[in-house]
Amino acid sequence: MAEFDLDLQAVEDKLEGGEETDTRIVLDILDGSTADSEWIELVEDDAVLVLSVEGDVNERAAGFAREVRDMGGELVHFRGFLIVAPPGVSVETDRLN
């Protein structure tokens, strides 16, 4: 059996010194009462939005969806909620198929 030279201390140091993220999850209602610029600002600040949609999702998100996509973010409509993820955060939907 071959021997492995694992430097567990180096791995542990790398994990401990890793970058901490300030990503947060914001729960709210998408009903037209919040300015589109506020949603955009939250996504730019790396927040994940979970928005309960009241009304037509396309109509409610029209003012910020394109800008979020253009910056590399994701939008997913799921069971009456709009999930909006900032760039670098992917929404995995593979299990829904």
PDB file of N, CA and C in Angstrom:
ATOM      1  N   MET A   1       0.845  -1.179   0.000  1.00  0.00           N
ATOM      2  CA  MET A   1       0.000   0.000   0.000  1.00  0.00           C
ATOM      3  C   MET A   1       0.890   1.242   0.000  1.00  0.00           C
ATOM      4  N   ALA A   2       0.573   2.184  -0.836  1.00  0.00           N
ATOM      5  CA  ALA A   2       1.369   3.404  -0.944  1.00  0.00           C
ATOM      6  C   ALA A   2       1.132   4.304   0.254  1.00  0.00           C
ATOM      7  N   GLU A   3       2.172   5.030   0.611  1.00  0.00           N
ATOM      8  CA  GLU A   3       2.063   5.976   1.718  1.00  0.00           C
ATOM      9  C   GLU A   3       1.685   7.346   1.170  1.00  0.00           C
ATOM     10  N   PHE A   4       0.889   8.063   1.931  1.00  0.00           N
ATOM     11  CA  PHE A   4       0.491   9.413   1.556  1.00  0.00           C
ATOM     12  C   PHE A   4       1.139  10.389   2.503  1.00  0.00           C
ATOM     13  N   ASP A   5       1.638  11.468   1.958  1.00  0.00           N
ATOM     14  CA  ASP A   5       2.234  12.516   2.781  1.00  0.00           C
ATOM     15  C   ASP A   5       1.223  13.655   2.895  1.00  0.00           C
ATOM     16  N   LEU A   6       0.364  13.562   3.888  1.00  0.00           N
ATOM     17  CA  LEU A   6      -0.665  14.577   4.085  1.00  0.00           C
ATOM     18  C   LEU A   6      -0.212  15.586   5.127  1.00  0.00           C
ATOM     19  N   ASP A   7      -0.277  16.841   4.776  1.00  0.00           N
ATOM     20  CA  ASP A   7       0.067  17.906   5.712  1.00  0.00           C
ATOM     21  C   ASP A   7      -1.239  18.442   6.285  1.00  0.00           C
ATOM     22  N   LEU A   8      -1.764  17.761   7.292  1.00  0.00           N
ATOM     23  CA  LEU A   8      -3.053  18.143   7.862  1.00  0.00           C
ATOM     24  C   LEU A   8      -3.003  19.508   8.531  1.00  0.00           C
ATOM     25  N   GLN A   9      -1.871  19.888   9.065  1.00  0.00           N
ATOM     26  CA  GLN A   9      -1.742  21.201   9.698  1.00  0.00           C
ATOM     27  C   GLN A   9      -1.922  22.312   8.666  1.00  0.00           C
ATOM     28  N   ALA A  10      -1.351  22.119   7.474  1.00  0.00           N
ATOM     29  CA  ALA A  10      -1.490  23.132   6.422  1.00  0.00           C
ATOM     30  C   ALA A  10      -2.948  23.249   5.983  1.00  0.00           C
ATOM     31  N   VAL A  11      -3.627  22.113   5.880  1.00  0.00           N
ATOM     32  CA  VAL A  11      -5.040  22.134   5.505  1.00  0.00           C
ATOM     33  C   VAL A  11      -5.859  22.841   6.574  1.00  0.00           C
ATOM     34  N   GLU A  12      -5.593  22.525   7.829  1.00  0.00           N
ATOM     35  CA  GLU A  12      -6.326  23.159   8.922  1.00  0.00           C
ATOM     36  C   GLU A  12      -6.079  24.659   8.955  1.00  0.00           C
ATOM     37  N   ASP A  13      -4.832  25.071   8.761  1.00  0.00           N
ATOM     38  CA  ASP A  13      -4.510  26.497   8.727  1.00  0.00           C
ATOM     39  C   ASP A  13      -5.253  27.197   7.598  1.00  0.00           C
ATOM     40  N   LYS A  14      -5.339  26.537   6.457  1.00  0.00           N
ATOM     41  CA  LYS A  14      -6.033  27.113   5.303  1.00  0.00           C
ATOM     42  C   LYS A  14      -7.519  27.295   5.603  1.00  0.00           C
ATOM     43  N   LEU A  15      -8.099  26.299   6.255  1.00  0.00           N
ATOM     44  CA  LEU A  15      -9.519  26.382   6.604  1.00  0.00           C
ATOM     45  C   LEU A  15      -9.777  27.468   7.632  1.00  0.00           C
ATOM     46  N   GLU A  16      -8.930  27.551   8.639  1.00  0.00           N
ATOM     47  CA  GLU A  16      -9.116  28.560   9.686  1.00  0.00           C
ATOM     48  C   GLU A  16      -8.890  29.961   9.161  1.00  0.00           C
ATOM     49  N   GLY A  17      -7.994  30.118   8.200  1.00  0.00           N
ATOM     50  CA  GLY A  17      -7.672  31.431   7.664  1.00  0.00           C
ATOM     51  C   GLY A  17      -8.547  31.809   6.490  1.00  0.00           C
ATOM     52  N   GLY A  18      -9.556  30.991   6.221  1.00  0.00           N
ATOM     53  CA  GLY A  18     -10.434  31.238   5.082  1.00  0.00           C
ATOM     54  C   GLY A  18     -11.194  32.534   5.229  1.00  0.00           C
ATOM     55  N   GLU A  19     -11.632  33.018   4.094  1.00  0.00           N
ATOM     56  CA  GLU A  19     -12.393  34.261   4.075  1.00  0.00           C
ATOM     57  C   GLU A  19     -13.768  34.058   4.684  1.00  0.00           C
ATOM     58  N   GLU A  20     -14.144  34.929   5.583  1.00  0.00           N
ATOM     59  CA  GLU A  20     -15.491  34.880   6.129  1.00  0.00           C
ATOM     60  C   GLU A  20     -16.387  35.726   5.246  1.00  0.00           C
ATOM     61  N   THR A  21     -17.580  35.236   5.024  1.00  0.00           N
ATOM     62  CA  THR A  21     -18.500  35.987   4.182  1.00  0.00           C
ATOM     63  C   THR A  21     -19.561  36.655   5.043  1.00  0.00           C
ATOM     64  N   ASP A  22     -20.070  37.732   4.517  1.00  0.00           N
ATOM     65  CA  ASP A  22     -21.143  38.448   5.198  1.00  0.00           C
ATOM     66  C   ASP A  22     -22.463  38.203   4.493  1.00  0.00           C
ATOM     67  N   THR A  23     -22.561  37.085   3.767  1.00  0.00           N
ATOM     68  CA  THR A  23     -23.791  36.779   3.056  1.00  0.00           C
ATOM     69  C   THR A  23     -24.915  36.584   4.055  1.00  0.00           C
ATOM     70  N   ARG A  24     -26.034  37.186   3.734  1.00  0.00           N
ATOM     71  CA  ARG A  24     -27.204  37.041   4.607  1.00  0.00           C
ATOM     72  C   ARG A  24     -28.405  36.709   3.747  1.00  0.00           C
ATOM     73  N   ILE A  25     -29.429  36.210   4.376  1.00  0.00           N
ATOM     74  CA  ILE A  25     -30.666  35.875   3.698  1.00  0.00           C
ATOM     75  C   ILE A  25     -31.733  36.846   4.178  1.00  0.00           C
ATOM     76  N   VAL A  26     -32.367  37.518   3.224  1.00  0.00           N
ATOM     77  CA  VAL A  26     -33.392  38.510   3.537  1.00  0.00           C
ATOM     78  C   VAL A  26     -34.746  37.947   3.121  1.00  0.00           C
ATOM     79  N   LEU A  27     -35.660  37.832   4.076  1.00  0.00           N
ATOM     80  CA  LEU A  27     -37.027  37.390   3.809  1.00  0.00           C
ATOM     81  C   LEU A  27     -37.915  38.622   3.722  1.00  0.00           C
ATOM     82  N   ASP A  28     -38.734  38.681   2.668  1.00  0.00           N
ATOM     83  CA  ASP A  28     -39.611  39.842   2.508  1.00  0.00           C
ATOM     84  C   ASP A  28     -40.760  39.470   1.568  1.00  0.00           C
ATOM     85  N   ILE A  29     -41.595  40.442   1.302  1.00  0.00           N
ATOM     86  CA  ILE A  29     -42.743  40.261   0.420  1.00  0.00           C
ATOM     87  C   ILE A  29     -42.541  41.141  -0.806  1.00  0.00           C
ATOM     88  N   LEU A  30     -42.685  40.541  -1.983  1.00  0.00           N
ATOM     89  CA  LEU A  30     -42.577  41.275  -3.237  1.00  0.00           C
ATOM     90  C   LEU A  30     -43.990  41.655  -3.668  1.00  0.00           C
ATOM     91  N   ASP A  31     -44.388  42.868  -3.280  1.00  0.00           N
ATOM     92  CA  ASP A  31     -45.755  43.317  -3.546  1.00  0.00           C
ATOM     93  C   ASP A  31     -45.808  44.691  -4.216  1.00  0.00           C
ATOM     94  N   GLY A  32     -44.641  45.197  -4.585  1.00  0.00           N
ATOM     95  CA  GLY A  32     -44.590  46.505  -5.234  1.00  0.00           C
ATOM     96  C   GLY A  32     -44.363  47.661  -4.284  1.00  0.00           C
ATOM     97  N   SER A  33     -44.318  47.387  -2.975  1.00  0.00           N
ATOM     98  CA  SER A  33     -44.149  48.474  -2.013  1.00  0.00           C
ATOM     99  C   SER A  33     -42.685  48.831  -1.752  1.00  0.00           C
ATOM    100  N   THR A  34     -41.765  47.986  -2.179  1.00  0.00           N
ATOM    101  CA  THR A  34     -40.335  48.246  -2.000  1.00  0.00           C
ATOM    102  C   THR A  34     -39.750  48.686  -3.336  1.00  0.00           C
ATOM    103  N   ALA A  35     -38.937  49.720  -3.298  1.00  0.00           N
ATOM    104  CA  ALA A  35     -38.320  50.234  -4.525  1.00  0.00           C
ATOM    105  C   ALA A  35     -37.387  49.188  -5.132  1.00  0.00           C
ATOM    106  N   ASP A  36     -37.391  49.098  -6.460  1.00  0.00           N
ATOM    107  CA  ASP A  36     -36.513  48.165  -7.160  1.00  0.00           C
ATOM    108  C   ASP A  36     -35.055  48.406  -6.805  1.00  0.00           C
ATOM    109  N   SER A  37     -34.688  49.655  -6.615  1.00  0.00           N
ATOM    110  CA  SER A  37     -33.302  49.988  -6.279  1.00  0.00           C
ATOM    111  C   SER A  37     -32.883  49.371  -4.940  1.00  0.00           C
ATOM    112  N   GLU A  38     -33.819  49.197  -4.031  1.00  0.00           N
ATOM    113  CA  GLU A  38     -33.502  48.580  -2.742  1.00  0.00           C
ATOM    114  C   GLU A  38     -33.168  47.103  -2.926  1.00  0.00           C
ATOM    115  N   TRP A  39     -33.933  46.391  -3.787  1.00  0.00           N
ATOM    116  CA  TRP A  39     -33.624  44.987  -4.051  1.00  0.00           C
ATOM    117  C   TRP A  39     -32.238  44.863  -4.689  1.00  0.00           C
ATOM    118  N   ILE A  40     -31.959  45.744  -5.647  1.00  0.00           N
ATOM    119  CA  ILE A  40     -30.666  45.720  -6.332  1.00  0.00           C
ATOM    120  C   ILE A  40     -29.536  45.968  -5.344  1.00  0.00           C
ATOM    121  N   GLU A  41     -29.716  46.939  -4.472  1.00  0.00           N
ATOM    122  CA  GLU A  41     -28.689  47.262  -3.476  1.00  0.00           C
ATOM    123  C   GLU A  41     -28.420  46.078  -2.547  1.00  0.00           C
ATOM    124  N   LEU A  42     -29.469  45.391  -2.127  1.00  0.00           N
ATOM    125  CA  LEU A  42     -29.285  44.230  -1.259  1.00  0.00           C
ATOM    126  C   LEU A  42     -28.499  43.138  -1.971  1.00  0.00           C
ATOM    127  N   VAL A  43     -28.807  42.892  -3.234  1.00  0.00           N
ATOM    128  CA  VAL A  43     -28.081  41.873  -3.994  1.00  0.00           C
ATOM    129  C   VAL A  43     -26.630  42.303  -4.202  1.00  0.00           C
ATOM    130  N   GLU A  44     -26.401  43.570  -4.480  1.00  0.00           N
ATOM    131  CA  GLU A  44     -25.026  44.079  -4.614  1.00  0.00           C
ATOM    132  C   GLU A  44     -24.242  43.911  -3.317  1.00  0.00           C
ATOM    133  N   ASP A  45     -24.940  43.923  -2.188  1.00  0.00           N
ATOM    134  CA  ASP A  45     -24.306  43.724  -0.880  1.00  0.00           C
ATOM    135  C   ASP A  45     -24.247  42.242  -0.497  1.00  0.00           C
ATOM    136  N   ASP A  46     -24.432  41.351  -1.495  1.00  0.00           N
ATOM    137  CA  ASP A  46     -24.312  39.896  -1.328  1.00  0.00           C
ATOM    138  C   ASP A  46     -25.427  39.257  -0.514  1.00  0.00           C
ATOM    139  N   ALA A  47     -26.586  39.880  -0.448  1.00  0.00           N
ATOM    140  CA  ALA A  47     -27.718  39.272   0.244  1.00  0.00           C
ATOM    141  C   ALA A  47     -28.457  38.338  -0.703  1.00  0.00           C
ATOM    142  N   VAL A  48     -28.941  37.226  -0.161  1.00  0.00           N
ATOM    143  CA  VAL A  48     -29.842  36.340  -0.877  1.00  0.00           C
ATOM    144  C   VAL A  48     -31.253  36.752  -0.477  1.00  0.00           C
ATOM    145  N   LEU A  49     -32.120  36.986  -1.456  1.00  0.00           N
ATOM    146  CA  LEU A  49     -33.484  37.410  -1.179  1.00  0.00           C
ATOM    147  C   LEU A  49     -34.430  36.230  -1.342  1.00  0.00           C
ATOM    148  N   VAL A  50     -35.308  36.045  -0.387  1.00  0.00           N
ATOM    149  CA  VAL A  50     -36.388  35.070  -0.482  1.00  0.00           C
ATOM    150  C   VAL A  50     -37.657  35.886  -0.338  1.00  0.00           C
ATOM    151  N   LEU A  51     -38.319  36.103  -1.482  1.00  0.00           N
ATOM    152  CA  LEU A  51     -39.440  37.033  -1.539  1.00  0.00           C
ATOM    153  C   LEU A  51     -40.742  36.295  -1.824  1.00  0.00           C
ATOM    154  N   SER A  52     -41.707  36.441  -0.948  1.00  0.00           N
ATOM    155  CA  SER A  52     -43.036  35.904  -1.172  1.00  0.00           C
ATOM    156  C   SER A  52     -43.722  36.822  -2.178  1.00  0.00           C
ATOM    157  N   VAL A  53     -44.130  36.256  -3.310  1.00  0.00           N
ATOM    158  CA  VAL A  53     -44.662  37.065  -4.407  1.00  0.00           C
ATOM    159  C   VAL A  53     -46.164  37.238  -4.262  1.00  0.00           C
ATOM    160  N   GLU A  54     -46.579  38.502  -4.226  1.00  0.00           N
ATOM    161  CA  GLU A  54     -48.002  38.837  -4.247  1.00  0.00           C
ATOM    162  C   GLU A  54     -48.293  39.475  -5.587  1.00  0.00           C
ATOM    163  N   GLY A  55     -49.019  38.758  -6.433  1.00  0.00           N
ATOM    164  CA  GLY A  55     -49.298  39.238  -7.778  1.00  0.00           C
ATOM    165  C   GLY A  55     -48.472  38.468  -8.796  1.00  0.00           C
ATOM    166  N   ASP A  56     -48.348  39.040  -9.979  1.00  0.00           N
ATOM    167  CA  ASP A  56     -47.611  38.421 -11.068  1.00  0.00           C
ATOM    168  C   ASP A  56     -46.111  38.611 -10.871  1.00  0.00           C
ATOM    169  N   VAL A  57     -45.375  37.513 -10.812  1.00  0.00           N
ATOM    170  CA  VAL A  57     -43.932  37.580 -10.533  1.00  0.00           C
ATOM    171  C   VAL A  57     -43.192  38.375 -11.607  1.00  0.00           C
ATOM    172  N   ASN A  58     -43.569  38.207 -12.862  1.00  0.00           N
ATOM    173  CA  ASN A  58     -42.885  38.940 -13.936  1.00  0.00           C
ATOM    174  C   ASN A  58     -43.104  40.442 -13.810  1.00  0.00           C
ATOM    175  N   GLU A  59     -44.300  40.813 -13.448  1.00  0.00           N
ATOM    176  CA  GLU A  59     -44.625  42.232 -13.268  1.00  0.00           C
ATOM    177  C   GLU A  59     -43.896  42.805 -12.052  1.00  0.00           C
ATOM    178  N   ARG A  60     -43.907  42.071 -10.967  1.00  0.00           N
ATOM    179  CA  ARG A  60     -43.298  42.560  -9.723  1.00  0.00           C
ATOM    180  C   ARG A  60     -41.775  42.666  -9.818  1.00  0.00           C
ATOM    181  N   ALA A  61     -41.136  41.744 -10.548  1.00  0.00           N
ATOM    182  CA  ALA A  61     -39.673  41.713 -10.615  1.00  0.00           C
ATOM    183  C   ALA A  61     -39.111  42.443 -11.831  1.00  0.00           C
ATOM    184  N   ALA A  62     -39.982  42.974 -12.677  1.00  0.00           N
ATOM    185  CA  ALA A  62     -39.540  43.598 -13.929  1.00  0.00           C
ATOM    186  C   ALA A  62     -38.530  44.720 -13.721  1.00  0.00           C
ATOM    187  N   GLY A  63     -38.627  45.441 -12.639  1.00  0.00           N
ATOM    188  CA  GLY A  63     -37.761  46.594 -12.412  1.00  0.00           C
ATOM    189  C   GLY A  63     -36.365  46.277 -11.911  1.00  0.00           C
ATOM    190  N   PHE A  64     -36.110  45.017 -11.520  1.00  0.00           N
ATOM    191  CA  PHE A  64     -34.770  44.690 -11.022  1.00  0.00           C
ATOM    192  C   PHE A  64     -34.202  43.382 -11.568  1.00  0.00           C
ATOM    193  N   ALA A  65     -35.010  42.542 -12.167  1.00  0.00           N
ATOM    194  CA  ALA A  65     -34.545  41.217 -12.609  1.00  0.00           C
ATOM    195  C   ALA A  65     -33.412  41.302 -13.626  1.00  0.00           C
ATOM    196  N   ARG A  66     -33.571  42.131 -14.631  1.00  0.00           N
ATOM    197  CA  ARG A  66     -32.530  42.235 -15.673  1.00  0.00           C
ATOM    198  C   ARG A  66     -31.206  42.705 -15.094  1.00  0.00           C
ATOM    199  N   GLU A  67     -31.262  43.700 -14.212  1.00  0.00           N
ATOM    200  CA  GLU A  67     -30.023  44.220 -13.623  1.00  0.00           C
ATOM    201  C   GLU A  67     -29.334  43.158 -12.764  1.00  0.00           C
ATOM    202  N   VAL A  68     -30.125  42.383 -12.015  1.00  0.00           N
ATOM    203  CA  VAL A  68     -29.549  41.302 -11.195  1.00  0.00           C
ATOM    204  C   VAL A  68     -28.879  40.276 -12.108  1.00  0.00           C
ATOM    205  N   ARG A  69     -29.544  39.889 -13.187  1.00  0.00           N
ATOM    206  CA  ARG A  69     -28.953  38.921 -14.128  1.00  0.00           C
ATOM    207  C   ARG A  69     -27.704  39.483 -14.783  1.00  0.00           C
ATOM    208  N   ASP A  70     -27.740  40.766 -15.163  1.00  0.00           N
ATOM    209  CA  ASP A  70     -26.585  41.398 -15.816  1.00  0.00           C
ATOM    210  C   ASP A  70     -25.363  41.435 -14.908  1.00  0.00           C
ATOM    211  N   MET A  71     -25.588  41.522 -13.602  1.00  0.00           N
ATOM    212  CA  MET A  71     -24.450  41.536 -12.675  1.00  0.00           C
ATOM    213  C   MET A  71     -23.981  40.123 -12.322  1.00  0.00           C
ATOM    214  N   GLY A  72     -24.652  39.102 -12.870  1.00  0.00           N
ATOM    215  CA  GLY A  72     -24.245  37.720 -12.620  1.00  0.00           C
ATOM    216  C   GLY A  72     -25.059  37.008 -11.569  1.00  0.00           C
ATOM    217  N   GLY A  73     -26.142  37.624 -11.104  1.00  0.00           N
ATOM    218  CA  GLY A  73     -27.004  37.006 -10.100  1.00  0.00           C
ATOM    219  C   GLY A  73     -27.998  36.052 -10.727  1.00  0.00           C
ATOM    220  N   GLU A  74     -28.735  35.347  -9.891  1.00  0.00           N
ATOM    221  CA  GLU A  74     -29.733  34.384 -10.351  1.00  0.00           C
ATOM    222  C   GLU A  74     -31.087  34.693  -9.747  1.00  0.00           C
ATOM    223  N   LEU A  75     -32.143  34.417 -10.511  1.00  0.00           N
ATOM    224  CA  LEU A  75     -33.514  34.541 -10.026  1.00  0.00           C
ATOM    225  C   LEU A  75     -34.232  33.233 -10.331  1.00  0.00           C
ATOM    226  N   VAL A  76     -34.908  32.689  -9.322  1.00  0.00           N
ATOM    227  CA  VAL A  76     -35.646  31.447  -9.483  1.00  0.00           C
ATOM    228  C   VAL A  76     -37.005  31.612  -8.813  1.00  0.00           C
ATOM    229  N   HIS A  77     -38.073  31.334  -9.565  1.00  0.00           N
ATOM    230  CA  HIS A  77     -39.422  31.368  -9.015  1.00  0.00           C
ATOM    231  C   HIS A  77     -39.768  29.959  -8.569  1.00  0.00           C
ATOM    232  N   PHE A  78     -40.096  29.791  -7.296  1.00  0.00           N
ATOM    233  CA  PHE A  78     -40.372  28.466  -6.745  1.00  0.00           C
ATOM    234  C   PHE A  78     -41.506  28.553  -5.731  1.00  0.00           C
ATOM    235  N   ARG A  79     -42.616  27.903  -6.044  1.00  0.00           N
ATOM    236  CA  ARG A  79     -43.759  27.778  -5.136  1.00  0.00           C
ATOM    237  C   ARG A  79     -44.200  29.091  -4.504  1.00  0.00           C
ATOM    238  N   GLY A  80     -44.360  30.091  -5.321  1.00  0.00           N
ATOM    239  CA  GLY A  80     -44.856  31.370  -4.829  1.00  0.00           C
ATOM    240  C   GLY A  80     -43.774  32.275  -4.249  1.00  0.00           C
ATOM    241  N   PHE A  81     -42.527  31.838  -4.322  1.00  0.00           N
ATOM    242  CA  PHE A  81     -41.413  32.635  -3.824  1.00  0.00           C
ATOM    243  C   PHE A  81     -40.464  32.946  -4.971  1.00  0.00           C
ATOM    244  N   LEU A  82     -39.836  34.100  -4.906  1.00  0.00           N
ATOM    245  CA  LEU A  82     -38.774  34.454  -5.831  1.00  0.00           C
ATOM    246  C   LEU A  82     -37.474  34.432  -5.038  1.00  0.00           C
ATOM    247  N   ILE A  83     -36.569  33.564  -5.451  1.00  0.00           N
ATOM    248  CA  ILE A  83     -35.251  33.473  -4.823  1.00  0.00           C
ATOM    249  C   ILE A  83     -34.308  34.285  -5.692  1.00  0.00           C
ATOM    250  N   VAL A  84     -33.636  35.256  -5.097  1.00  0.00           N
ATOM    251  CA  VAL A  84     -32.708  36.114  -5.824  1.00  0.00           C
ATOM    252  C   VAL A  84     -31.343  35.959  -5.165  1.00  0.00           C
ATOM    253  N   ALA A  85     -30.378  35.445  -5.940  1.00  0.00           N
ATOM    254  CA  ALA A  85     -29.042  35.191  -5.411  1.00  0.00           C
ATOM    255  C   ALA A  85     -28.033  36.135  -6.052  1.00  0.00           C
ATOM    256  N   PRO A  86     -27.085  36.622  -5.265  1.00  0.00           N
ATOM    257  CA  PRO A  86     -26.064  37.515  -5.812  1.00  0.00           C
ATOM    258  C   PRO A  86     -25.037  36.727  -6.631  1.00  0.00           C
ATOM    259  N   PRO A  87     -24.189  37.428  -7.375  1.00  0.00           N
ATOM    260  CA  PRO A  87     -23.131  36.747  -8.118  1.00  0.00           C
ATOM    261  C   PRO A  87     -22.297  35.873  -7.170  1.00  0.00           C
ATOM    262  N   GLY A  88     -21.954  34.691  -7.640  1.00  0.00           N
ATOM    263  CA  GLY A  88     -21.144  33.780  -6.830  1.00  0.00           C
ATOM    264  C   GLY A  88     -21.951  32.828  -5.977  1.00  0.00           C
ATOM    265  N   VAL A  89     -23.248  33.033  -5.898  1.00  0.00           N
ATOM    266  CA  VAL A  89     -24.134  32.130  -5.146  1.00  0.00           C
ATOM    267  C   VAL A  89     -25.078  31.502  -6.158  1.00  0.00           C
ATOM    268  N   SER A  90     -24.976  30.187  -6.322  1.00  0.00           N
ATOM    269  CA  SER A  90     -25.841  29.536  -7.302  1.00  0.00           C
ATOM    270  C   SER A  90     -27.036  28.893  -6.599  1.00  0.00           C
ATOM    271  N   VAL A  91     -28.144  28.893  -7.302  1.00  0.00           N
ATOM    272  CA  VAL A  91     -29.360  28.253  -6.813  1.00  0.00           C
ATOM    273  C   VAL A  91     -29.462  26.928  -7.542  1.00  0.00           C
ATOM    274  N   GLU A  92     -29.342  25.837  -6.819  1.00  0.00           N
ATOM    275  CA  GLU A  92     -29.374  24.513  -7.431  1.00  0.00           C
ATOM    276  C   GLU A  92     -30.834  24.048  -7.548  1.00  0.00           C
ATOM    277  N   THR A  93     -31.238  23.786  -8.762  1.00  0.00           N
ATOM    278  CA  THR A  93     -32.613  23.344  -9.012  1.00  0.00           C
ATOM    279  C   THR A  93     -32.662  21.924  -9.568  1.00  0.00           C
ATOM    280  N   ASP A  94     -31.529  21.243  -9.630  1.00  0.00           N
ATOM    281  CA  ASP A  94     -31.464  19.898 -10.210  1.00  0.00           C
ATOM    282  C   ASP A  94     -32.410  18.912  -9.553  1.00  0.00           C
ATOM    283  N   ARG A  95     -32.641  19.029  -8.284  1.00  0.00           N
ATOM    284  CA  ARG A  95     -33.460  18.075  -7.564  1.00  0.00           C
ATOM    285  C   ARG A  95     -34.954  18.251  -7.814  1.00  0.00           C
ATOM    286  N   LEU A  96     -35.315  19.327  -8.479  1.00  0.00           N
ATOM    287  CA  LEU A  96     -36.721  19.579  -8.759  1.00  0.00           C
ATOM    288  C   LEU A  96     -37.227  18.809  -9.975  1.00  0.00           C
ATOM    289  N   ASN A  97     -36.335  18.266 -10.752  1.00  0.00           N
ATOM    290  CA  ASN A  97     -36.723  17.526 -11.965  1.00  0.00           C
ATOM    291  C   ASN A  97     -37.131  16.115 -11.655  1.00  0.00           C
TER     292      ASN A  97
END
